[in-house]
N, C-alpha and C. Protein backbone atom coordinates (compact mmCIF):
# COMPACT_ATOMS: atom_id res chain seq x y z
N MET A 1 53.33 88.84 159.05
CA MET A 1 54.36 89.41 158.18
C MET A 1 54.83 88.34 157.19
N ARG A 2 54.94 88.70 155.96
CA ARG A 2 55.35 87.73 154.94
C ARG A 2 56.86 87.59 154.88
N THR A 3 57.27 86.44 154.38
CA THR A 3 58.71 86.22 154.23
C THR A 3 59.21 86.95 152.99
N TYR A 4 60.48 87.19 152.95
CA TYR A 4 61.13 87.95 151.89
C TYR A 4 61.26 87.09 150.63
N GLY A 5 60.99 87.71 149.48
CA GLY A 5 61.32 87.08 148.21
C GLY A 5 60.33 86.07 147.67
N TYR A 6 59.08 86.44 147.55
CA TYR A 6 58.10 85.55 146.91
C TYR A 6 58.41 85.44 145.42
N THR A 7 58.00 84.32 144.84
CA THR A 7 58.15 84.11 143.40
C THR A 7 56.76 84.01 142.78
N TYR A 8 56.56 84.76 141.71
CA TYR A 8 55.27 84.80 141.01
C TYR A 8 55.46 84.46 139.54
N GLY A 9 54.36 84.15 138.89
CA GLY A 9 54.34 84.00 137.44
C GLY A 9 53.28 84.93 136.89
N TYR A 10 53.55 85.48 135.71
CA TYR A 10 52.54 86.31 135.05
C TYR A 10 52.20 85.69 133.70
N PRO A 11 51.04 84.98 133.64
CA PRO A 11 50.62 84.38 132.37
C PRO A 11 49.73 85.33 131.57
N ARG A 12 50.06 85.51 130.27
CA ARG A 12 49.23 86.36 129.41
C ARG A 12 49.18 85.78 128.01
N VAL A 13 47.99 85.79 127.43
CA VAL A 13 47.80 85.52 126.01
C VAL A 13 46.97 86.68 125.47
N SER A 14 46.98 86.82 124.15
CA SER A 14 46.33 87.99 123.53
C SER A 14 44.83 87.85 123.35
N THR A 15 44.33 86.61 123.27
CA THR A 15 42.90 86.42 123.03
C THR A 15 42.36 85.32 123.93
N PHE A 16 41.05 85.27 124.11
CA PHE A 16 40.41 84.24 124.92
C PHE A 16 40.58 82.86 124.30
N GLU A 17 40.75 82.79 122.98
CA GLU A 17 40.88 81.50 122.31
C GLU A 17 42.25 80.86 122.54
N GLN A 18 43.25 81.64 122.88
CA GLN A 18 44.59 81.11 123.05
C GLN A 18 44.73 80.35 124.36
N ASN A 19 45.69 79.45 124.38
CA ASN A 19 45.87 78.51 125.48
C ASN A 19 47.04 78.92 126.37
N LEU A 20 46.86 78.81 127.66
CA LEU A 20 47.90 79.16 128.64
C LEU A 20 48.71 77.97 129.13
N THR A 21 48.44 76.77 128.63
CA THR A 21 49.05 75.55 129.15
C THR A 21 50.57 75.61 129.19
N ARG A 22 51.19 76.08 128.11
CA ARG A 22 52.66 76.14 128.05
C ARG A 22 53.21 77.01 129.18
N GLN A 23 52.54 78.13 129.46
CA GLN A 23 53.00 79.01 130.52
C GLN A 23 52.78 78.37 131.89
N TYR A 24 51.63 77.72 132.08
CA TYR A 24 51.36 77.02 133.34
C TYR A 24 52.42 75.95 133.60
N LYS A 25 52.76 75.19 132.56
CA LYS A 25 53.76 74.12 132.72
C LYS A 25 55.11 74.70 133.15
N LEU A 26 55.47 75.83 132.57
CA LEU A 26 56.73 76.48 132.97
C LEU A 26 56.69 76.85 134.44
N PHE A 27 55.62 77.51 134.87
CA PHE A 27 55.53 77.94 136.26
C PHE A 27 55.53 76.75 137.21
N ASP A 28 54.84 75.68 136.83
CA ASP A 28 54.85 74.46 137.64
C ASP A 28 56.26 73.88 137.73
N LYS A 29 56.95 73.85 136.60
CA LYS A 29 58.33 73.32 136.55
C LYS A 29 59.27 74.15 137.44
N LEU A 30 59.02 75.45 137.50
CA LEU A 30 59.85 76.33 138.32
C LEU A 30 59.47 76.26 139.80
N GLY A 31 58.40 75.50 140.10
CA GLY A 31 57.98 75.35 141.49
C GLY A 31 57.14 76.51 142.00
N ILE A 32 56.56 77.28 141.09
CA ILE A 32 55.71 78.41 141.50
C ILE A 32 54.32 77.86 141.80
N PRO A 33 53.84 78.05 143.03
CA PRO A 33 52.49 77.54 143.36
C PRO A 33 51.42 78.23 142.53
N GLU A 34 50.35 77.49 142.22
CA GLU A 34 49.25 78.05 141.40
C GLU A 34 48.72 79.35 141.95
N GLU A 35 48.64 79.47 143.27
CA GLU A 35 48.10 80.71 143.84
C GLU A 35 49.01 81.91 143.58
N ASN A 36 50.22 81.66 143.07
CA ASN A 36 51.14 82.74 142.75
C ASN A 36 51.19 83.05 141.26
N TYR A 37 50.30 82.41 140.47
CA TYR A 37 50.19 82.82 139.07
C TYR A 37 48.76 82.80 138.53
N LYS A 38 47.90 81.91 139.00
CA LYS A 38 46.54 81.84 138.46
C LYS A 38 45.72 83.11 138.70
N PRO A 39 45.87 83.79 139.83
CA PRO A 39 45.06 85.02 140.03
C PRO A 39 45.46 86.17 139.11
N TYR A 40 46.57 86.04 138.39
CA TYR A 40 47.11 87.17 137.62
C TYR A 40 47.01 86.98 136.11
N ILE A 41 46.19 86.06 135.67
CA ILE A 41 46.04 85.76 134.25
C ILE A 41 45.43 86.95 133.51
N ASP A 42 45.99 87.22 132.33
CA ASP A 42 45.39 88.20 131.43
C ASP A 42 45.21 87.55 130.06
N LYS A 43 44.03 87.75 129.51
CA LYS A 43 43.75 87.33 128.13
C LYS A 43 43.38 88.61 127.39
N ILE A 44 44.43 89.36 127.06
CA ILE A 44 44.26 90.70 126.50
C ILE A 44 45.53 91.06 125.72
N SER A 45 45.40 91.92 124.76
CA SER A 45 46.52 92.32 123.92
C SER A 45 47.67 92.91 124.73
N GLY A 46 48.88 92.61 124.30
CA GLY A 46 50.06 93.18 124.93
C GLY A 46 50.22 94.66 124.64
N LEU A 47 49.42 95.18 123.70
CA LEU A 47 49.45 96.61 123.39
C LEU A 47 48.59 97.40 124.36
N ASP A 48 47.75 96.71 125.09
CA ASP A 48 46.79 97.35 126.00
C ASP A 48 47.45 97.65 127.34
N PHE A 49 47.29 98.88 127.81
CA PHE A 49 47.84 99.28 129.11
C PHE A 49 47.00 98.73 130.26
N GLU A 50 45.71 98.54 130.04
CA GLU A 50 44.82 98.09 131.10
C GLU A 50 44.75 96.57 131.15
N ARG A 51 45.59 95.97 131.97
CA ARG A 51 45.60 94.52 132.12
C ARG A 51 45.33 94.20 133.58
N PRO A 52 44.12 93.75 133.88
CA PRO A 52 43.71 93.53 135.27
C PRO A 52 44.61 92.55 136.03
N GLY A 53 45.02 91.47 135.37
CA GLY A 53 45.87 90.49 136.05
C GLY A 53 47.21 91.08 136.44
N LEU A 54 47.82 91.81 135.52
CA LEU A 54 49.11 92.44 135.80
C LEU A 54 48.95 93.52 136.87
N ASN A 55 47.87 94.29 136.79
CA ASN A 55 47.64 95.33 137.80
C ASN A 55 47.48 94.71 139.20
N LYS A 56 46.78 93.58 139.27
CA LYS A 56 46.61 92.88 140.55
C LYS A 56 47.97 92.38 141.07
N LEU A 57 48.77 91.83 140.16
CA LEU A 57 50.11 91.35 140.54
C LEU A 57 50.96 92.51 141.07
N LYS A 58 50.89 93.64 140.42
CA LYS A 58 51.68 94.81 140.85
C LYS A 58 51.32 95.25 142.26
N MET A 59 50.05 95.03 142.64
CA MET A 59 49.62 95.41 143.99
C MET A 59 50.14 94.42 145.04
N GLU A 60 50.44 93.20 144.63
CA GLU A 60 50.89 92.15 145.55
C GLU A 60 52.40 92.15 145.78
N ILE A 61 53.16 92.46 144.74
CA ILE A 61 54.61 92.29 144.81
C ILE A 61 55.27 93.31 145.73
N GLU A 62 56.40 92.88 146.25
CA GLU A 62 57.20 93.75 147.13
C GLU A 62 58.66 93.62 146.74
N ARG A 63 59.44 94.56 147.24
CA ARG A 63 60.89 94.54 146.99
C ARG A 63 61.46 93.16 147.33
N GLY A 64 62.29 92.65 146.42
CA GLY A 64 62.92 91.35 146.63
C GLY A 64 62.17 90.18 146.01
N ASP A 65 60.93 90.42 145.55
CA ASP A 65 60.17 89.37 144.88
C ASP A 65 60.70 89.15 143.47
N THR A 66 60.31 88.03 142.87
CA THR A 66 60.68 87.70 141.50
C THR A 66 59.42 87.34 140.72
N VAL A 67 59.32 87.88 139.51
CA VAL A 67 58.21 87.57 138.62
C VAL A 67 58.78 86.90 137.37
N TYR A 68 58.27 85.69 137.09
CA TYR A 68 58.67 84.98 135.87
C TYR A 68 57.62 85.21 134.80
N ILE A 69 58.10 85.42 133.58
CA ILE A 69 57.23 85.48 132.42
C ILE A 69 57.75 84.47 131.41
N TYR A 70 56.86 83.98 130.54
CA TYR A 70 57.29 82.97 129.57
C TYR A 70 58.27 83.58 128.58
N ASP A 71 57.93 84.73 128.04
CA ASP A 71 58.86 85.45 127.18
C ASP A 71 58.64 86.95 127.33
N PHE A 72 59.60 87.68 126.85
CA PHE A 72 59.65 89.13 126.99
C PHE A 72 58.34 89.79 126.54
N SER A 73 57.74 89.28 125.45
CA SER A 73 56.55 89.91 124.88
C SER A 73 55.32 89.77 125.77
N ARG A 74 55.37 88.92 126.82
CA ARG A 74 54.22 88.78 127.72
C ARG A 74 53.97 90.09 128.47
N LEU A 75 55.02 90.89 128.66
CA LEU A 75 54.84 92.18 129.34
C LEU A 75 54.27 93.24 128.41
N GLY A 76 54.42 93.07 127.10
CA GLY A 76 53.89 94.04 126.16
C GLY A 76 54.52 93.89 124.80
N ARG A 77 53.94 94.55 123.82
CA ARG A 77 54.44 94.44 122.45
C ARG A 77 54.91 95.77 121.89
N SER A 78 54.70 96.84 122.60
CA SER A 78 55.17 98.14 122.10
C SER A 78 56.28 98.64 123.03
N SER A 79 57.16 99.46 122.48
CA SER A 79 58.28 99.95 123.29
C SER A 79 57.78 100.77 124.47
N LYS A 80 56.72 101.52 124.26
CA LYS A 80 56.17 102.35 125.33
C LYS A 80 55.70 101.48 126.50
N VAL A 81 54.93 100.44 126.20
CA VAL A 81 54.40 99.56 127.25
C VAL A 81 55.53 98.79 127.93
N LEU A 82 56.43 98.20 127.14
CA LEU A 82 57.53 97.42 127.72
C LEU A 82 58.41 98.26 128.63
N LYS A 83 58.81 99.42 128.15
CA LYS A 83 59.67 100.30 128.95
C LYS A 83 58.98 100.70 130.24
N SER A 84 57.71 101.03 130.14
CA SER A 84 56.94 101.44 131.31
C SER A 84 56.88 100.31 132.35
N GLU A 85 56.59 99.09 131.88
CA GLU A 85 56.46 97.96 132.81
C GLU A 85 57.80 97.62 133.46
N ILE A 86 58.85 97.57 132.68
CA ILE A 86 60.16 97.22 133.24
C ILE A 86 60.63 98.30 134.22
N ASP A 87 60.42 99.55 133.88
CA ASP A 87 60.78 100.64 134.81
C ASP A 87 60.01 100.52 136.12
N TYR A 88 58.73 100.16 136.03
CA TYR A 88 57.92 99.99 137.24
C TYR A 88 58.53 98.92 138.15
N PHE A 89 58.84 97.76 137.57
CA PHE A 89 59.41 96.66 138.37
C PHE A 89 60.78 97.05 138.95
N LYS A 90 61.58 97.77 138.18
CA LYS A 90 62.88 98.23 138.68
C LYS A 90 62.70 99.13 139.90
N ARG A 91 61.77 100.09 139.78
CA ARG A 91 61.53 101.01 140.91
C ARG A 91 61.06 100.27 142.15
N LYS A 92 60.27 99.22 141.96
CA LYS A 92 59.76 98.43 143.09
C LYS A 92 60.82 97.49 143.67
N GLY A 93 61.93 97.30 142.96
CA GLY A 93 62.96 96.37 143.43
C GLY A 93 62.57 94.91 143.20
N VAL A 94 61.80 94.67 142.16
CA VAL A 94 61.31 93.32 141.84
C VAL A 94 62.07 92.81 140.61
N ASN A 95 62.56 91.59 140.68
CA ASN A 95 63.24 90.97 139.54
C ASN A 95 62.21 90.41 138.58
N VAL A 96 62.41 90.63 137.29
CA VAL A 96 61.56 90.04 136.26
C VAL A 96 62.45 89.17 135.38
N ILE A 97 62.10 87.90 135.29
CA ILE A 97 62.91 86.96 134.52
C ILE A 97 62.09 86.42 133.36
N SER A 98 62.65 86.56 132.16
CA SER A 98 62.02 86.03 130.95
C SER A 98 62.64 84.67 130.66
N HIS A 99 61.82 83.63 130.71
CA HIS A 99 62.30 82.26 130.52
C HIS A 99 62.88 82.04 129.13
N LYS A 100 62.13 82.38 128.09
CA LYS A 100 62.53 82.09 126.72
C LYS A 100 63.87 82.73 126.36
N GLU A 101 64.03 83.98 126.73
CA GLU A 101 65.27 84.69 126.40
C GLU A 101 66.35 84.47 127.46
N ASP A 102 65.98 83.84 128.57
CA ASP A 102 66.90 83.59 129.67
C ASP A 102 67.55 84.90 130.14
N LEU A 103 66.70 85.88 130.41
CA LEU A 103 67.17 87.21 130.81
C LEU A 103 66.48 87.67 132.08
N GLU A 104 67.24 88.33 132.92
CA GLU A 104 66.66 89.04 134.04
C GLU A 104 66.48 90.48 133.57
N LEU A 105 65.26 90.80 133.18
CA LEU A 105 64.98 92.05 132.48
C LEU A 105 65.27 93.28 133.31
N THR A 106 65.06 93.20 134.60
CA THR A 106 65.24 94.37 135.45
C THR A 106 66.71 94.67 135.71
N ASN A 107 67.61 93.79 135.29
CA ASN A 107 69.05 94.04 135.47
C ASN A 107 69.75 94.40 134.16
N LEU A 108 68.99 94.56 133.08
CA LEU A 108 69.60 94.92 131.80
C LEU A 108 69.98 96.39 131.79
N GLY A 109 71.08 96.69 131.13
CA GLY A 109 71.46 98.09 130.92
C GLY A 109 70.50 98.73 129.93
N GLU A 110 70.50 100.04 129.88
CA GLU A 110 69.56 100.77 129.01
C GLU A 110 69.74 100.41 127.54
N GLU A 111 70.97 100.31 127.06
CA GLU A 111 71.22 99.99 125.65
C GLU A 111 70.73 98.58 125.31
N THR A 112 71.03 97.63 126.18
CA THR A 112 70.60 96.25 125.94
C THR A 112 69.08 96.16 126.00
N LEU A 113 68.49 96.86 126.93
CA LEU A 113 67.03 96.87 127.05
C LEU A 113 66.40 97.44 125.78
N ARG A 114 66.95 98.55 125.27
CA ARG A 114 66.42 99.13 124.03
C ARG A 114 66.52 98.14 122.87
N MET A 115 67.63 97.40 122.82
CA MET A 115 67.82 96.42 121.75
C MET A 115 66.73 95.34 121.83
N TRP A 116 66.48 94.81 123.04
CA TRP A 116 65.47 93.77 123.20
C TRP A 116 64.07 94.29 122.89
N ILE A 117 63.78 95.50 123.32
CA ILE A 117 62.48 96.09 123.03
C ILE A 117 62.31 96.26 121.52
N GLY A 118 63.35 96.70 120.84
CA GLY A 118 63.30 96.81 119.38
C GLY A 118 63.05 95.47 118.72
N GLN A 119 63.68 94.43 119.23
CA GLN A 119 63.48 93.08 118.69
C GLN A 119 62.03 92.63 118.87
N ILE A 120 61.46 92.88 120.04
CA ILE A 120 60.07 92.50 120.30
C ILE A 120 59.13 93.25 119.36
N GLU A 121 59.37 94.55 119.17
CA GLU A 121 58.52 95.31 118.25
C GLU A 121 58.65 94.79 116.82
N MET A 122 59.86 94.46 116.40
CA MET A 122 60.06 93.93 115.05
C MET A 122 59.34 92.58 114.89
N ASP A 123 59.47 91.71 115.90
CA ASP A 123 58.77 90.42 115.85
C ASP A 123 57.27 90.62 115.76
N SER A 124 56.75 91.60 116.48
CA SER A 124 55.32 91.88 116.46
C SER A 124 54.88 92.35 115.08
N LEU A 125 55.67 93.21 114.45
CA LEU A 125 55.34 93.68 113.11
C LEU A 125 55.38 92.55 112.09
N ILE A 126 56.37 91.67 112.20
CA ILE A 126 56.48 90.52 111.30
C ILE A 126 55.26 89.61 111.47
N LEU A 127 54.86 89.37 112.72
CA LEU A 127 53.69 88.53 112.98
C LEU A 127 52.44 89.15 112.36
N LYS A 128 52.24 90.46 112.55
CA LYS A 128 51.09 91.13 111.96
C LYS A 128 51.10 90.99 110.44
N GLU A 129 52.28 91.18 109.85
CA GLU A 129 52.40 91.06 108.39
C GLU A 129 52.05 89.66 107.91
N ARG A 130 52.55 88.65 108.62
CA ARG A 130 52.26 87.26 108.24
C ARG A 130 50.77 86.96 108.37
N LEU A 131 50.14 87.44 109.43
CA LEU A 131 48.71 87.24 109.60
C LEU A 131 47.92 87.90 108.48
N GLU A 132 48.33 89.11 108.11
CA GLU A 132 47.64 89.82 107.02
C GLU A 132 47.83 89.10 105.69
N ILE A 133 49.03 88.63 105.42
CA ILE A 133 49.28 87.86 104.19
C ILE A 133 48.42 86.61 104.17
N GLY A 134 48.34 85.92 105.29
CA GLY A 134 47.51 84.71 105.38
C GLY A 134 46.05 85.03 105.14
N ARG A 135 45.58 86.14 105.71
CA ARG A 135 44.19 86.54 105.51
C ARG A 135 43.93 86.85 104.04
N ILE A 136 44.85 87.57 103.40
CA ILE A 136 44.69 87.91 101.98
C ILE A 136 44.73 86.64 101.13
N GLU A 137 45.68 85.76 101.42
CA GLU A 137 45.78 84.51 100.66
C GLU A 137 44.52 83.66 100.82
N ASN A 138 44.00 83.62 102.03
CA ASN A 138 42.78 82.85 102.28
C ASN A 138 41.62 83.40 101.45
N ASN A 139 41.54 84.73 101.37
CA ASN A 139 40.48 85.34 100.56
C ASN A 139 40.68 85.07 99.08
N LYS A 140 41.95 85.06 98.60
CA LYS A 140 42.24 84.77 97.20
C LYS A 140 41.84 83.34 96.86
N MET A 141 42.07 82.43 97.83
CA MET A 141 41.76 81.03 97.58
C MET A 141 40.29 80.74 97.82
N GLY A 142 39.55 81.73 98.13
CA GLY A 142 38.13 81.53 98.32
C GLY A 142 37.68 81.85 99.72
N GLY A 143 38.34 81.27 100.70
CA GLY A 143 37.89 81.49 102.07
C GLY A 143 36.43 81.11 102.19
N ARG A 144 35.74 81.70 103.09
CA ARG A 144 34.31 81.47 103.24
C ARG A 144 33.60 82.29 102.15
N PRO A 145 32.74 81.66 101.36
CA PRO A 145 32.08 82.40 100.27
C PRO A 145 31.17 83.50 100.83
N LYS A 146 31.11 84.61 100.09
CA LYS A 146 30.25 85.71 100.48
C LYS A 146 28.81 85.34 100.12
N ILE A 147 27.93 85.48 101.05
CA ILE A 147 26.52 85.16 100.84
C ILE A 147 25.78 86.45 100.51
N LYS A 148 25.01 86.40 99.46
CA LYS A 148 24.25 87.58 99.06
C LYS A 148 22.87 87.51 99.69
N ASP A 149 22.38 88.67 100.11
CA ASP A 149 21.04 88.73 100.69
C ASP A 149 20.00 88.14 99.74
N LYS A 150 20.22 88.35 98.44
CA LYS A 150 19.23 87.86 97.47
C LYS A 150 19.17 86.33 97.47
N ASP A 151 20.30 85.65 97.79
CA ASP A 151 20.28 84.18 97.89
C ASP A 151 19.41 83.73 99.05
N ILE A 152 19.53 84.40 100.18
CA ILE A 152 18.72 84.05 101.35
C ILE A 152 17.25 84.32 101.04
N GLU A 153 16.98 85.45 100.38
CA GLU A 153 15.60 85.78 100.00
C GLU A 153 15.03 84.74 99.04
N ARG A 154 15.86 84.27 98.11
CA ARG A 154 15.39 83.24 97.16
C ARG A 154 15.03 81.95 97.90
N VAL A 155 15.85 81.56 98.90
CA VAL A 155 15.54 80.36 99.68
C VAL A 155 14.21 80.56 100.39
N ARG A 156 14.01 81.72 101.00
CA ARG A 156 12.75 82.00 101.70
C ARG A 156 11.56 81.91 100.74
N LYS A 157 11.74 82.45 99.53
CA LYS A 157 10.67 82.43 98.53
C LYS A 157 10.31 80.98 98.18
N TYR A 158 11.34 80.15 97.93
CA TYR A 158 11.07 78.74 97.56
C TYR A 158 10.38 78.00 98.71
N VAL A 159 10.81 78.30 99.95
CA VAL A 159 10.19 77.66 101.12
C VAL A 159 8.73 78.09 101.22
N SER A 160 8.47 79.39 100.99
CA SER A 160 7.09 79.88 101.07
C SER A 160 6.19 79.26 99.99
N GLU A 161 6.82 78.78 98.92
CA GLU A 161 6.07 78.12 97.83
C GLU A 161 5.84 76.63 98.13
N GLY A 162 6.31 76.16 99.30
CA GLY A 162 6.06 74.78 99.70
C GLY A 162 7.25 73.84 99.59
N ASN A 163 8.40 74.34 99.18
CA ASN A 163 9.60 73.49 99.11
C ASN A 163 10.23 73.36 100.49
N THR A 164 10.97 72.28 100.71
CA THR A 164 11.70 72.13 101.97
C THR A 164 12.88 73.10 101.96
N ILE A 165 13.41 73.36 103.15
CA ILE A 165 14.59 74.23 103.24
C ILE A 165 15.75 73.59 102.50
N LYS A 166 15.92 72.26 102.66
CA LYS A 166 17.02 71.58 101.99
C LYS A 166 16.90 71.73 100.48
N ASP A 167 15.71 71.46 99.92
CA ASP A 167 15.52 71.57 98.47
C ASP A 167 15.72 73.02 98.00
N SER A 168 15.21 73.95 98.79
CA SER A 168 15.35 75.37 98.43
C SER A 168 16.81 75.79 98.41
N CYS A 169 17.58 75.35 99.40
CA CYS A 169 19.01 75.66 99.46
C CYS A 169 19.73 75.04 98.26
N ASP A 170 19.38 73.80 97.92
CA ASP A 170 19.99 73.13 96.77
C ASP A 170 19.71 73.91 95.48
N MET A 171 18.49 74.42 95.34
CA MET A 171 18.12 75.17 94.13
C MET A 171 18.92 76.47 94.01
N VAL A 172 19.20 77.09 95.18
CA VAL A 172 19.93 78.36 95.18
C VAL A 172 21.45 78.12 95.11
N GLY A 173 21.88 76.95 95.60
CA GLY A 173 23.30 76.63 95.56
C GLY A 173 24.05 76.99 96.83
N ILE A 174 23.35 76.98 97.97
CA ILE A 174 24.00 77.21 99.26
C ILE A 174 23.64 76.05 100.18
N SER A 175 24.44 75.87 101.22
CA SER A 175 24.15 74.80 102.18
C SER A 175 23.09 75.25 103.18
N GLU A 176 22.47 74.27 103.81
CA GLU A 176 21.48 74.61 104.85
C GLU A 176 22.15 75.37 105.99
N LYS A 177 23.36 74.93 106.34
CA LYS A 177 24.10 75.58 107.43
C LYS A 177 24.31 77.06 107.11
N THR A 178 24.69 77.34 105.86
CA THR A 178 24.89 78.73 105.44
C THR A 178 23.58 79.50 105.54
N TYR A 179 22.50 78.88 105.12
CA TYR A 179 21.19 79.54 105.20
C TYR A 179 20.85 79.89 106.66
N TYR A 180 20.98 78.91 107.55
CA TYR A 180 20.63 79.14 108.96
C TYR A 180 21.54 80.20 109.59
N ARG A 181 22.80 80.21 109.20
CA ARG A 181 23.75 81.16 109.76
C ARG A 181 23.46 82.59 109.30
N ASN A 182 22.85 82.72 108.12
CA ASN A 182 22.66 84.06 107.53
C ASN A 182 21.21 84.52 107.47
N ARG A 183 20.29 83.73 107.98
CA ARG A 183 18.87 84.13 107.83
C ARG A 183 18.45 85.21 108.78
């Protein structure tokens, strides 16, 4: 029989390229053993309902347990997902504590919870907008040049005539790396 009141961490990032170190350091600082957070890692969008790490954690937790998250948005980015997750933990009798906001989410009143969920959604929209502006600006400033199929064909033609790939790329005005990436 297990003792009452285990403490867990739920680490999540949106993509495989993102780093979990900051969240791991928090859980270590809080004294949460690795076996109480490493099995529950998710590298998936907060908009996605299917999060294997969170689903596994939900199967482990019991009434009286506590789950720490780095910030409120780790549970989700849409009001539907956030409300659903927090309601689930409330029904289970599990405390969820958001470190960044210094809030025990499962003890918030409905109005306060709606306010926080609205803030998370607004932050998410602002982030999307900034990313889109950055993408547009990058394209305006050039970004990665668009390679035309005819340029690759011209390099192939020059190579078939006995020129080196390097010389052929120089004649067409593209780098060897670009040629190899697009051939």
